[in-house]
Amino acid sequence: MKTLASRLAACALITALIGACAHKIYGDPELPVAGKVLGTVVHTRDAEELRYVVLRQLTERYAQEQSIVVTQAEKDAYVRHVQEWLATHRQQQAARRAELAGKLAAGGLPEAERARLATDVAMLDELLAALGKDNAATSDPQEAEARQQVAAAFILQWKINRALYKQYGGRVIFQQGGPEPLDAYRRFLEDAQSRGDFRIVSKDLEAGFWRYYRDDSIHSFYPPGSREEAQVFDVPPWLSR
């Protein structure tokens, strides 16, 4: 007869085995398994979605390993930087609107030119209204928190990019959210794949997964070897003037 102690030990072993075999699931389980990353099974038919999930999990772990954090002072500086940029941009667009409105008021223009100017003025009115709303000081706690969250996400991503560039080097591309060390990301992912941190299960998605990093034709690069490229991560953009 099994003793209580032996039964408890057996239960503990079974629980441990179940825990060791458990996996997190991303996506619809009805979809095929596209890949696996750090214990998460990814279900998708989209190579870009697979790349997004893999990169998100690996960079989150990388930030923890490298002790990359965002301070409150950095978030506050970023919010101020954005508001200052919006104010300057609004002034520029307001001056442009005044110039176009002046031409309209002067008269003597062909009808086609008047129509084009009127359209441009209307578009600038919409833009200025949006900029005014975005630039306004807010007492809404939810809106203020949203700005802080955007600041934290941008700063963290920039710091991860800088750390990867420092570690792996390579070429840098222009992106809407700032410079991105393309070759560093490719090498980072290749290292992670060779260690078994992630695996592409669906071979149909493999080429699509790597295309972003291996197809130069879809990117615009900083001039390789240039001073601009070498200094691209020297000064945080939220501190630049």
Protein backbone atom coordinates (compact mmCIF):
# COMPACT_ATOMS: atom_id res chain seq x y z
CA MET A 1 0.00 0.00 0.00
CA LYS A 2 1.28 3.43 -0.90
CA THR A 3 1.91 5.77 1.99
CA LEU A 4 0.53 9.30 2.04
CA ALA A 5 4.04 10.64 1.50
CA SER A 6 4.54 8.51 -1.61
CA ARG A 7 1.19 9.58 -2.99
CA LEU A 8 2.00 13.24 -2.43
CA ALA A 9 5.39 12.75 -4.10
CA ALA A 10 3.73 11.08 -7.08
CA CYS A 11 1.22 13.94 -7.37
CA ALA A 12 4.01 16.49 -7.19
CA LEU A 13 5.91 14.68 -9.95
CA ILE A 14 2.85 14.55 -12.20
CA THR A 15 2.14 18.25 -11.58
CA ALA A 16 5.74 19.12 -12.43
CA LEU A 17 5.61 17.07 -15.61
CA ILE A 18 2.36 18.73 -16.68
CA GLY A 19 3.82 22.15 -15.97
CA ALA A 20 6.94 21.35 -17.93
CA CYS A 21 4.90 20.25 -20.93
CA ALA A 22 2.48 23.17 -20.79
CA HIS A 23 2.76 25.78 -23.52
CA LYS A 24 1.30 29.20 -23.94
CA ILE A 25 -0.77 29.64 -27.07
CA TYR A 26 -0.92 32.67 -29.34
CA GLY A 27 -3.61 32.91 -32.00
CA ASP A 28 -6.51 30.71 -32.98
CA PRO A 29 -5.77 27.06 -32.08
CA GLU A 30 -7.85 26.07 -35.10
CA LEU A 31 -5.13 27.57 -37.33
CA PRO A 32 -1.96 25.59 -38.09
CA VAL A 33 1.10 25.94 -35.89
CA ALA A 34 3.39 28.48 -37.55
CA GLY A 35 6.21 28.53 -35.03
CA LYS A 36 7.33 28.36 -31.43
CA VAL A 37 9.10 31.01 -29.37
CA LEU A 38 10.20 30.79 -25.73
CA GLY A 39 7.52 28.27 -24.86
CA THR A 40 4.74 29.95 -26.81
CA VAL A 41 3.10 28.08 -29.69
CA VAL A 42 2.07 30.49 -32.44
CA HIS A 43 -0.95 29.67 -34.59
CA THR A 44 -1.23 31.77 -37.76
CA ARG A 45 -1.02 31.66 -41.54
CA ASP A 46 0.60 35.11 -41.70
CA ALA A 47 4.40 35.33 -41.84
CA GLU A 48 4.37 38.95 -40.65
CA GLU A 49 2.27 38.05 -37.62
CA LEU A 50 4.67 35.24 -36.79
CA ARG A 51 7.61 37.64 -37.08
CA TYR A 52 5.84 40.16 -34.84
CA VAL A 53 5.19 37.61 -32.07
CA VAL A 54 8.69 36.15 -32.22
CA LEU A 55 10.35 39.56 -32.17
CA ARG A 56 8.13 40.88 -29.37
CA GLN A 57 8.90 37.96 -27.06
CA LEU A 58 12.61 37.90 -27.81
CA THR A 59 13.08 41.66 -27.41
CA GLU A 60 11.08 41.70 -24.17
CA ARG A 61 13.46 39.10 -22.77
CA TYR A 62 16.46 40.96 -24.21
CA ALA A 63 15.37 44.18 -22.47
CA GLN A 64 15.16 42.32 -19.17
CA GLU A 65 18.54 40.67 -19.65
CA GLN A 66 20.17 43.98 -20.57
CA SER A 67 18.40 45.85 -17.74
CA ILE A 68 16.85 48.26 -20.23
CA VAL A 69 14.29 50.41 -18.43
CA VAL A 70 12.43 53.67 -19.00
CA THR A 71 12.45 56.30 -16.25
CA GLN A 72 9.67 58.74 -15.42
CA ALA A 73 12.01 61.63 -16.25
CA GLU A 74 12.54 60.18 -19.74
CA LYS A 75 8.81 59.80 -20.31
CA ASP A 76 8.18 63.38 -19.19
CA ALA A 77 10.96 64.64 -21.48
CA TYR A 78 9.49 62.72 -24.42
CA VAL A 79 6.00 64.16 -23.86
CA ARG A 80 7.45 67.69 -23.68
CA HIS A 81 9.46 67.07 -26.85
CA VAL A 82 6.37 65.92 -28.75
CA GLN A 83 4.31 68.88 -27.55
CA GLU A 84 7.05 71.33 -28.54
CA TRP A 85 7.33 69.75 -31.98
CA LEU A 86 3.58 69.92 -32.44
CA ALA A 87 3.55 73.59 -31.46
CA THR A 88 6.31 74.41 -33.96
CA HIS A 89 4.63 72.37 -36.69
CA ARG A 90 1.32 74.12 -36.04
CA GLN A 91 2.96 77.54 -36.38
CA GLN A 92 4.47 76.53 -39.70
CA GLN A 93 1.18 75.23 -41.05
CA ALA A 94 -0.70 78.31 -39.79
CA ALA A 95 1.75 80.52 -41.67
CA ARG A 96 1.24 78.42 -44.79
CA ARG A 97 -2.54 78.71 -44.47
CA ALA A 98 -2.32 82.50 -44.10
CA GLU A 99 -0.20 82.67 -47.24
CA LEU A 100 -2.67 80.61 -49.29
CA ALA A 101 -5.69 82.48 -47.90
CA GLY A 102 -4.01 85.75 -48.88
CA LYS A 103 -3.63 84.58 -52.45
CA LEU A 104 -7.28 83.59 -52.55
CA ALA A 105 -8.39 86.94 -51.18
CA ALA A 106 -6.28 88.84 -53.73
CA GLY A 107 -8.44 87.57 -56.58
CA GLY A 108 -7.59 87.55 -60.27
CA LEU A 109 -6.77 83.84 -60.29
CA PRO A 110 -7.97 81.28 -62.83
CA GLU A 111 -10.87 79.20 -61.56
CA ALA A 112 -8.81 76.01 -61.48
CA GLU A 113 -6.13 77.71 -59.38
CA ARG A 114 -8.76 79.14 -57.00
CA ALA A 115 -10.28 75.67 -56.56
CA ARG A 116 -6.88 74.16 -55.80
CA LEU A 117 -6.04 76.86 -53.25
CA ALA A 118 -9.45 76.52 -51.60
CA THR A 119 -8.91 72.77 -51.26
CA ASP A 120 -5.46 73.31 -49.77
CA VAL A 121 -6.82 75.85 -47.26
CA ALA A 122 -9.60 73.47 -46.22
CA MET A 123 -7.06 70.66 -45.71
CA LEU A 124 -4.87 72.94 -43.62
CA ASP A 125 -7.88 73.92 -41.51
CA GLU A 126 -8.46 70.24 -40.71
CA LEU A 127 -4.78 69.69 -39.96
CA LEU A 128 -4.59 72.74 -37.68
CA ALA A 129 -7.68 71.61 -35.81
CA ALA A 130 -6.09 68.19 -35.23
CA LEU A 131 -2.76 69.71 -34.20
CA GLY A 132 -4.50 72.06 -31.81
CA LYS A 133 -6.26 69.16 -30.12
CA ASP A 134 -3.10 67.05 -29.91
CA ASN A 135 -1.06 69.96 -28.56
CA ALA A 136 -3.55 71.06 -25.93
CA ALA A 137 -2.71 70.58 -22.28
CA THR A 138 -4.99 67.97 -20.79
CA SER A 139 -6.43 67.44 -17.34
CA ASP A 140 -7.93 64.10 -18.40
CA PRO A 141 -6.07 61.41 -16.43
CA GLN A 142 -6.76 58.78 -19.08
CA GLU A 143 -5.37 60.93 -21.89
CA ALA A 144 -2.33 61.85 -19.82
CA GLU A 145 -1.74 58.18 -19.04
CA ALA A 146 -2.08 57.30 -22.73
CA ARG A 147 0.64 59.81 -23.59
CA GLN A 148 2.87 58.32 -20.90
CA GLN A 149 2.31 54.84 -22.31
CA VAL A 150 3.18 55.98 -25.84
CA ALA A 151 6.30 57.64 -24.48
CA ALA A 152 7.33 54.49 -22.59
CA ALA A 153 6.83 52.27 -25.64
CA PHE A 154 8.79 54.59 -27.96
CA ILE A 155 11.68 55.07 -25.54
CA LEU A 156 11.96 51.37 -24.74
CA GLN A 157 12.04 50.47 -28.43
CA TRP A 158 14.69 53.11 -29.13
CA LYS A 159 16.84 51.80 -26.29
CA ILE A 160 16.50 48.21 -27.53
CA ASN A 161 17.49 49.37 -31.02
CA ARG A 162 20.51 51.18 -29.63
CA ALA A 163 21.61 48.16 -27.58
CA LEU A 164 21.26 45.79 -30.55
CA TYR A 165 23.19 48.17 -32.80
CA LYS A 166 25.97 48.43 -30.23
CA GLN A 167 26.15 44.63 -29.94
CA TYR A 168 25.75 43.58 -33.58
CA GLY A 169 26.49 46.65 -35.71
CA GLY A 170 25.53 46.56 -39.39
CA ARG A 171 23.38 48.82 -41.55
CA VAL A 172 20.60 51.10 -40.31
CA ILE A 173 17.36 51.92 -42.11
CA PHE A 174 14.99 54.87 -42.00
CA GLN A 175 11.66 54.11 -40.34
CA GLN A 176 8.70 56.29 -39.42
CA GLY A 177 9.35 55.60 -35.75
CA GLY A 178 13.06 56.35 -36.02
CA PRO A 179 16.24 54.56 -37.13
CA GLU A 180 16.21 50.77 -37.06
CA PRO A 181 19.37 48.59 -37.04
CA LEU A 182 18.24 46.12 -39.69
CA ASP A 183 21.34 43.91 -39.81
CA ALA A 184 21.52 43.83 -36.00
CA TYR A 185 17.97 42.51 -35.83
CA ARG A 186 18.72 39.85 -38.42
CA ARG A 187 21.81 38.69 -36.56
CA PHE A 188 19.95 38.78 -33.26
CA LEU A 189 17.22 36.56 -34.68
CA GLU A 190 19.70 34.20 -36.33
CA ASP A 191 21.49 33.77 -33.00
CA ALA A 192 18.19 33.13 -31.22
CA GLN A 193 17.16 30.59 -33.84
CA SER A 194 20.49 28.76 -33.60
CA ARG A 195 20.06 28.51 -29.81
CA GLY A 196 16.58 27.09 -30.23
CA ASP A 197 14.83 30.10 -28.70
CA PHE A 198 12.41 30.07 -31.60
CA ARG A 199 11.56 27.75 -34.45
CA ILE A 200 9.63 28.29 -37.66
CA VAL A 201 7.43 25.22 -37.93
CA SER A 202 5.61 26.16 -41.14
CA LYS A 203 8.18 26.09 -43.93
CA ASP A 204 5.66 27.94 -46.13
CA LEU A 205 6.14 31.00 -43.90
CA GLU A 206 9.92 30.89 -43.60
CA ALA A 207 10.75 33.05 -46.63
CA GLY A 208 8.11 35.60 -45.65
CA PHE A 209 9.41 35.70 -42.08
CA TRP A 210 12.96 36.57 -43.19
CA ARG A 211 12.06 38.82 -46.15
CA TYR A 212 12.00 41.99 -44.02
CA TYR A 213 15.63 41.41 -43.02
CA ARG A 214 17.02 39.99 -46.25
CA ASP A 215 15.34 41.97 -49.04
CA ASP A 216 17.23 45.27 -49.28
CA SER A 217 14.87 46.58 -51.96
CA ILE A 218 12.10 47.30 -49.45
CA HIS A 219 14.22 49.62 -47.26
CA SER A 220 15.93 53.00 -47.34
CA PHE A 221 19.36 52.87 -45.68
CA TYR A 222 21.48 55.45 -43.95
CA PRO A 223 24.63 55.78 -46.07
CA PRO A 224 26.72 52.75 -44.93
CA GLY A 225 29.90 53.81 -43.17
CA SER A 226 28.76 57.43 -42.96
CA ARG A 227 29.07 59.68 -39.94
CA GLU A 228 25.29 59.98 -39.90
CA GLU A 229 24.95 56.22 -39.57
CA ALA A 230 27.65 55.97 -36.90
CA GLN A 231 26.02 58.65 -34.73
CA VAL A 232 22.40 57.68 -35.29
CA PHE A 233 21.94 56.39 -31.72
CA ASP A 234 24.20 58.88 -29.96
CA VAL A 235 21.50 61.32 -28.84
CA PRO A 236 17.98 60.23 -27.79
CA PRO A 237 15.49 61.99 -30.11
CA TRP A 238 13.35 63.17 -27.18
CA LEU A 239 16.36 65.18 -25.93
CA SER A 240 17.34 66.69 -29.30
CA ARG A 241 16.51 70.23 -30.29
